[in-house]
Amino acid sequence: MTVWPDLLRLARNQAAPSESRKQAVFWVAQAAGDSATAGLADLADSEKEGDEIRKQAVFALSQRPKDEGVPALIRIAKGSNSAEVRKSAMFWLGQSDDPRALALFEEILTRR
């Protein structure tokens, strides 16, 4: 039985309690593969969501395998409309020890 699509629906349900939504985001990251990574990235990008849910999605992306999570985090760090979400993506990229994250930091610091 595949449960992550139901969890992702709960995470997107703005009528659900915030804590339930955050927990759903966490468990999507633990239980799913590439498709869930895309769903988490969509949730982190959604302007319909508040920053807390979006930051939880960013954290969940940081828990995905690096080949899935790091590219999504870089995209969010570069382009999110929310400073808080960008900051969260940058923090988790800094924890990743991934050379792509280092390249992003260098790009930002040298303004290339």
N, C-alpha and C. Protein backbone atom coordinates (compact mmCIF):
# COMPACT_ATOMS: atom_id res chain seq x y z
N MET A 1 0.84 -1.18 0.00
CA MET A 1 0.00 0.00 0.00
C MET A 1 0.89 1.25 0.00
N THR A 2 0.60 2.18 -0.87
CA THR A 2 1.35 3.43 -0.98
C THR A 2 0.57 4.53 -0.27
N VAL A 3 1.15 5.09 0.79
CA VAL A 3 0.43 6.08 1.58
C VAL A 3 0.85 7.52 1.31
N TRP A 4 2.02 7.71 0.66
CA TRP A 4 2.51 9.07 0.53
C TRP A 4 1.57 9.99 -0.23
N PRO A 5 0.82 9.53 -1.26
CA PRO A 5 -0.10 10.47 -1.92
C PRO A 5 -1.17 11.01 -0.95
N ASP A 6 -1.66 10.14 -0.05
CA ASP A 6 -2.64 10.59 0.95
C ASP A 6 -2.01 11.59 1.92
N LEU A 7 -0.77 11.31 2.31
CA LEU A 7 -0.08 12.23 3.21
C LEU A 7 0.16 13.58 2.54
N LEU A 8 0.51 13.55 1.26
CA LEU A 8 0.73 14.81 0.54
C LEU A 8 -0.58 15.60 0.42
N ARG A 9 -1.69 14.89 0.20
CA ARG A 9 -3.00 15.57 0.16
C ARG A 9 -3.29 16.23 1.52
N LEU A 10 -3.00 15.52 2.61
CA LEU A 10 -3.20 16.09 3.94
C LEU A 10 -2.30 17.31 4.13
N ALA A 11 -1.06 17.21 3.69
CA ALA A 11 -0.13 18.34 3.82
C ALA A 11 -0.63 19.58 3.08
N ARG A 12 -1.31 19.37 1.97
CA ARG A 12 -1.83 20.49 1.16
C ARG A 12 -3.19 20.99 1.63
N ASN A 13 -3.83 20.27 2.52
CA ASN A 13 -5.18 20.61 2.98
C ASN A 13 -5.11 21.76 3.98
N GLN A 14 -5.44 22.95 3.51
CA GLN A 14 -5.33 24.13 4.36
C GLN A 14 -6.37 24.15 5.48
N ALA A 15 -7.38 23.29 5.39
CA ALA A 15 -8.39 23.20 6.45
C ALA A 15 -7.94 22.29 7.59
N ALA A 16 -6.91 21.48 7.36
CA ALA A 16 -6.40 20.56 8.39
C ALA A 16 -5.57 21.34 9.41
N PRO A 17 -5.48 20.83 10.64
CA PRO A 17 -4.65 21.48 11.65
C PRO A 17 -3.19 21.58 11.19
N SER A 18 -2.55 22.67 11.51
CA SER A 18 -1.18 22.92 11.09
C SER A 18 -0.23 21.81 11.51
N GLU A 19 -0.36 21.34 12.73
CA GLU A 19 0.55 20.29 13.22
C GLU A 19 0.36 19.00 12.43
N SER A 20 -0.86 18.67 12.08
CA SER A 20 -1.12 17.47 11.27
C SER A 20 -0.48 17.62 9.90
N ARG A 21 -0.58 18.81 9.34
CA ARG A 21 0.01 19.07 8.03
C ARG A 21 1.53 18.94 8.10
N LYS A 22 2.14 19.49 9.14
CA LYS A 22 3.60 19.40 9.29
C LYS A 22 4.04 17.95 9.42
N GLN A 23 3.32 17.18 10.21
CA GLN A 23 3.66 15.76 10.37
C GLN A 23 3.50 15.01 9.05
N ALA A 24 2.47 15.34 8.30
CA ALA A 24 2.27 14.69 7.00
C ALA A 24 3.45 14.99 6.07
N VAL A 25 3.93 16.23 6.07
CA VAL A 25 5.08 16.59 5.24
C VAL A 25 6.29 15.77 5.67
N PHE A 26 6.52 15.66 6.95
CA PHE A 26 7.65 14.89 7.45
C PHE A 26 7.58 13.44 6.97
N TRP A 27 6.42 12.83 7.10
CA TRP A 27 6.30 11.41 6.75
C TRP A 27 6.34 11.19 5.24
N VAL A 28 5.92 12.16 4.46
CA VAL A 28 6.08 12.03 3.01
C VAL A 28 7.57 11.90 2.69
N ALA A 29 8.37 12.71 3.32
CA ALA A 29 9.82 12.68 3.06
C ALA A 29 10.43 11.34 3.46
N GLN A 30 9.91 10.72 4.48
CA GLN A 30 10.47 9.47 4.97
C GLN A 30 10.03 8.27 4.12
N ALA A 31 8.87 8.37 3.50
CA ALA A 31 8.26 7.18 2.91
C ALA A 31 8.28 7.11 1.39
N ALA A 32 8.66 8.15 0.73
CA ALA A 32 8.40 8.18 -0.70
C ALA A 32 9.65 8.38 -1.53
N GLY A 33 9.48 8.30 -2.83
CA GLY A 33 10.58 8.43 -3.77
C GLY A 33 10.52 9.70 -4.57
N ASP A 34 10.96 9.62 -5.82
CA ASP A 34 11.08 10.78 -6.70
C ASP A 34 9.79 11.59 -6.82
N SER A 35 8.67 10.90 -6.95
CA SER A 35 7.40 11.60 -7.11
C SER A 35 7.07 12.45 -5.89
N ALA A 36 7.38 11.92 -4.72
CA ALA A 36 7.12 12.68 -3.50
C ALA A 36 8.05 13.87 -3.40
N THR A 37 9.28 13.72 -3.85
CA THR A 37 10.21 14.85 -3.84
C THR A 37 9.63 15.99 -4.67
N ALA A 38 9.09 15.67 -5.82
CA ALA A 38 8.45 16.70 -6.66
C ALA A 38 7.27 17.33 -5.93
N GLY A 39 6.49 16.52 -5.24
CA GLY A 39 5.35 17.04 -4.48
C GLY A 39 5.79 17.95 -3.35
N LEU A 40 6.86 17.57 -2.66
CA LEU A 40 7.38 18.41 -1.59
C LEU A 40 7.91 19.73 -2.14
N ALA A 41 8.59 19.67 -3.28
CA ALA A 41 9.09 20.91 -3.90
C ALA A 41 7.94 21.81 -4.30
N ASP A 42 6.88 21.23 -4.83
CA ASP A 42 5.69 22.02 -5.19
C ASP A 42 5.10 22.67 -3.95
N LEU A 43 5.04 21.93 -2.85
CA LEU A 43 4.51 22.47 -1.60
C LEU A 43 5.39 23.62 -1.10
N ALA A 44 6.70 23.46 -1.17
CA ALA A 44 7.62 24.52 -0.73
C ALA A 44 7.48 25.76 -1.60
N ASP A 45 7.13 25.58 -2.86
CA ASP A 45 6.98 26.70 -3.80
C ASP A 45 5.62 27.37 -3.73
N SER A 46 4.65 26.72 -3.15
CA SER A 46 3.26 27.20 -3.21
C SER A 46 3.06 28.51 -2.46
N GLU A 47 2.62 29.51 -3.17
CA GLU A 47 2.32 30.80 -2.55
C GLU A 47 1.03 30.75 -1.76
N LYS A 48 0.26 29.68 -1.92
CA LYS A 48 -1.00 29.51 -1.17
C LYS A 48 -0.74 29.08 0.26
N GLU A 49 0.46 28.56 0.51
CA GLU A 49 0.81 28.03 1.83
C GLU A 49 1.51 29.08 2.66
N GLY A 50 1.37 28.93 3.96
CA GLY A 50 2.10 29.79 4.89
C GLY A 50 3.55 29.33 4.97
N ASP A 51 4.39 30.21 5.48
CA ASP A 51 5.82 29.91 5.56
C ASP A 51 6.13 28.69 6.42
N GLU A 52 5.36 28.43 7.46
CA GLU A 52 5.67 27.28 8.33
C GLU A 52 5.54 25.97 7.58
N ILE A 53 4.49 25.79 6.80
CA ILE A 53 4.32 24.57 6.02
C ILE A 53 5.38 24.52 4.93
N ARG A 54 5.65 25.64 4.30
CA ARG A 54 6.67 25.67 3.25
C ARG A 54 8.05 25.33 3.80
N LYS A 55 8.39 25.85 4.99
CA LYS A 55 9.68 25.54 5.60
C LYS A 55 9.74 24.08 6.02
N GLN A 56 8.61 23.50 6.43
CA GLN A 56 8.59 22.08 6.76
C GLN A 56 8.85 21.25 5.50
N ALA A 57 8.31 21.69 4.37
CA ALA A 57 8.58 21.00 3.10
C ALA A 57 10.06 21.12 2.73
N VAL A 58 10.66 22.27 2.98
CA VAL A 58 12.10 22.45 2.72
C VAL A 58 12.90 21.49 3.60
N PHE A 59 12.55 21.41 4.87
CA PHE A 59 13.23 20.46 5.75
C PHE A 59 13.07 19.03 5.22
N ALA A 60 11.88 18.69 4.81
CA ALA A 60 11.63 17.34 4.29
C ALA A 60 12.48 17.08 3.06
N LEU A 61 12.63 18.08 2.21
CA LEU A 61 13.51 17.92 1.04
C LEU A 61 14.95 17.67 1.47
N SER A 62 15.37 18.28 2.57
CA SER A 62 16.74 18.09 3.04
C SER A 62 16.97 16.65 3.53
N GLN A 63 15.90 15.94 3.81
CA GLN A 63 16.00 14.56 4.28
C GLN A 63 15.97 13.55 3.14
N ARG A 64 15.66 14.01 1.95
CA ARG A 64 15.62 13.13 0.78
C ARG A 64 17.06 12.84 0.34
N PRO A 65 17.26 11.79 -0.46
CA PRO A 65 18.60 11.55 -1.00
C PRO A 65 19.11 12.80 -1.72
N LYS A 66 20.41 13.04 -1.61
CA LYS A 66 21.00 14.28 -2.14
C LYS A 66 20.69 14.51 -3.62
N ASP A 67 20.68 13.46 -4.41
CA ASP A 67 20.40 13.65 -5.83
C ASP A 67 18.99 14.15 -6.09
N GLU A 68 18.10 13.94 -5.15
CA GLU A 68 16.74 14.45 -5.26
C GLU A 68 16.58 15.79 -4.55
N GLY A 69 17.03 15.85 -3.31
CA GLY A 69 16.76 17.02 -2.47
C GLY A 69 17.58 18.24 -2.78
N VAL A 70 18.88 18.07 -3.02
CA VAL A 70 19.76 19.23 -3.20
C VAL A 70 19.35 20.08 -4.41
N PRO A 71 19.08 19.50 -5.58
CA PRO A 71 18.65 20.36 -6.70
C PRO A 71 17.38 21.15 -6.39
N ALA A 72 16.44 20.52 -5.70
CA ALA A 72 15.21 21.23 -5.33
C ALA A 72 15.50 22.35 -4.35
N LEU A 73 16.36 22.08 -3.37
CA LEU A 73 16.72 23.12 -2.40
C LEU A 73 17.45 24.29 -3.05
N ILE A 74 18.31 24.00 -4.01
CA ILE A 74 19.02 25.07 -4.72
C ILE A 74 18.03 25.93 -5.49
N ARG A 75 17.09 25.29 -6.17
CA ARG A 75 16.09 26.04 -6.91
C ARG A 75 15.26 26.93 -5.98
N ILE A 76 14.88 26.39 -4.83
CA ILE A 76 14.10 27.16 -3.85
C ILE A 76 14.94 28.29 -3.28
N ALA A 77 16.19 28.03 -2.95
CA ALA A 77 17.08 29.06 -2.41
C ALA A 77 17.25 30.21 -3.40
N LYS A 78 17.28 29.90 -4.66
CA LYS A 78 17.46 30.94 -5.69
C LYS A 78 16.17 31.68 -6.02
N GLY A 79 15.01 31.01 -5.91
CA GLY A 79 13.84 31.62 -6.49
C GLY A 79 12.58 31.73 -5.67
N SER A 80 12.60 31.29 -4.42
CA SER A 80 11.37 31.39 -3.63
C SER A 80 10.99 32.84 -3.43
N ASN A 81 9.70 33.09 -3.41
CA ASN A 81 9.22 34.45 -3.17
C ASN A 81 9.23 34.80 -1.68
N SER A 82 9.54 33.84 -0.83
CA SER A 82 9.55 34.06 0.61
C SER A 82 10.99 34.06 1.13
N ALA A 83 11.37 35.14 1.77
CA ALA A 83 12.72 35.22 2.35
C ALA A 83 12.93 34.14 3.40
N GLU A 84 11.92 33.83 4.18
CA GLU A 84 12.04 32.80 5.21
C GLU A 84 12.26 31.42 4.60
N VAL A 85 11.58 31.13 3.52
CA VAL A 85 11.73 29.84 2.85
C VAL A 85 13.10 29.76 2.19
N ARG A 86 13.54 30.85 1.55
CA ARG A 86 14.90 30.88 0.97
C ARG A 86 15.95 30.65 2.05
N LYS A 87 15.78 31.32 3.18
CA LYS A 87 16.72 31.19 4.30
C LYS A 87 16.77 29.74 4.79
N SER A 88 15.63 29.12 4.89
CA SER A 88 15.57 27.73 5.33
C SER A 88 16.28 26.81 4.33
N ALA A 89 16.04 27.03 3.05
CA ALA A 89 16.71 26.23 2.01
C ALA A 89 18.22 26.41 2.09
N MET A 90 18.67 27.64 2.29
CA MET A 90 20.10 27.90 2.40
C MET A 90 20.69 27.19 3.63
N PHE A 91 19.97 27.23 4.74
CA PHE A 91 20.45 26.55 5.94
C PHE A 91 20.65 25.06 5.68
N TRP A 92 19.63 24.43 5.11
CA TRP A 92 19.72 22.98 4.89
C TRP A 92 20.74 22.64 3.83
N LEU A 93 20.91 23.50 2.86
CA LEU A 93 21.99 23.27 1.88
C LEU A 93 23.34 23.32 2.57
N GLY A 94 23.49 24.23 3.52
CA GLY A 94 24.74 24.32 4.27
C GLY A 94 25.04 23.08 5.09
N GLN A 95 24.01 22.37 5.48
CA GLN A 95 24.17 21.15 6.25
C GLN A 95 24.45 19.93 5.37
N SER A 96 24.28 20.10 4.07
CA SER A 96 24.32 18.95 3.16
C SER A 96 25.73 18.46 2.81
N ASP A 97 26.73 19.30 2.95
CA ASP A 97 28.09 18.95 2.52
C ASP A 97 28.13 18.53 1.06
N ASP A 98 27.28 19.13 0.26
CA ASP A 98 27.20 18.79 -1.16
C ASP A 98 27.95 19.86 -1.96
N PRO A 99 28.79 19.47 -2.91
CA PRO A 99 29.55 20.45 -3.68
C PRO A 99 28.66 21.41 -4.48
N ARG A 100 27.47 20.99 -4.83
CA ARG A 100 26.55 21.89 -5.55
C ARG A 100 26.10 23.02 -4.64
N ALA A 101 25.93 22.73 -3.36
CA ALA A 101 25.57 23.78 -2.39
C ALA A 101 26.72 24.75 -2.23
N LEU A 102 27.94 24.23 -2.14
CA LEU A 102 29.12 25.09 -2.03
C LEU A 102 29.23 26.00 -3.26
N ALA A 103 28.95 25.46 -4.43
CA ALA A 103 29.00 26.27 -5.66
C ALA A 103 27.95 27.38 -5.61
N LEU A 104 26.77 27.08 -5.07
CA LEU A 104 25.74 28.12 -4.94
C LEU A 104 26.21 29.22 -3.99
N PHE A 105 26.77 28.84 -2.85
CA PHE A 105 27.25 29.84 -1.89
C PHE A 105 28.35 30.70 -2.52
N GLU A 106 29.24 30.08 -3.25
CA GLU A 106 30.30 30.82 -3.91
C GLU A 106 29.71 31.79 -4.94
N GLU A 107 28.74 31.32 -5.69
CA GLU A 107 28.07 32.15 -6.69
C GLU A 107 27.42 33.37 -6.02
N ILE A 108 26.74 33.13 -4.91
CA ILE A 108 26.07 34.23 -4.21
C ILE A 108 27.09 35.21 -3.62
N LEU A 109 28.13 34.68 -3.02
CA LEU A 109 29.12 35.55 -2.37
C LEU A 109 29.99 36.33 -3.34
N THR A 110 30.21 35.76 -4.52
CA THR A 110 31.03 36.48 -5.50
C THR A 110 30.19 37.20 -6.54
N ARG A 111 28.88 37.01 -6.47
CA ARG A 111 27.93 37.67 -7.38
C ARG A 111 28.24 37.41 -8.83
N ARG A 112 28.58 36.15 -9.15
CA ARG A 112 28.85 35.80 -10.54
C ARG A 112 27.59 35.59 -11.30
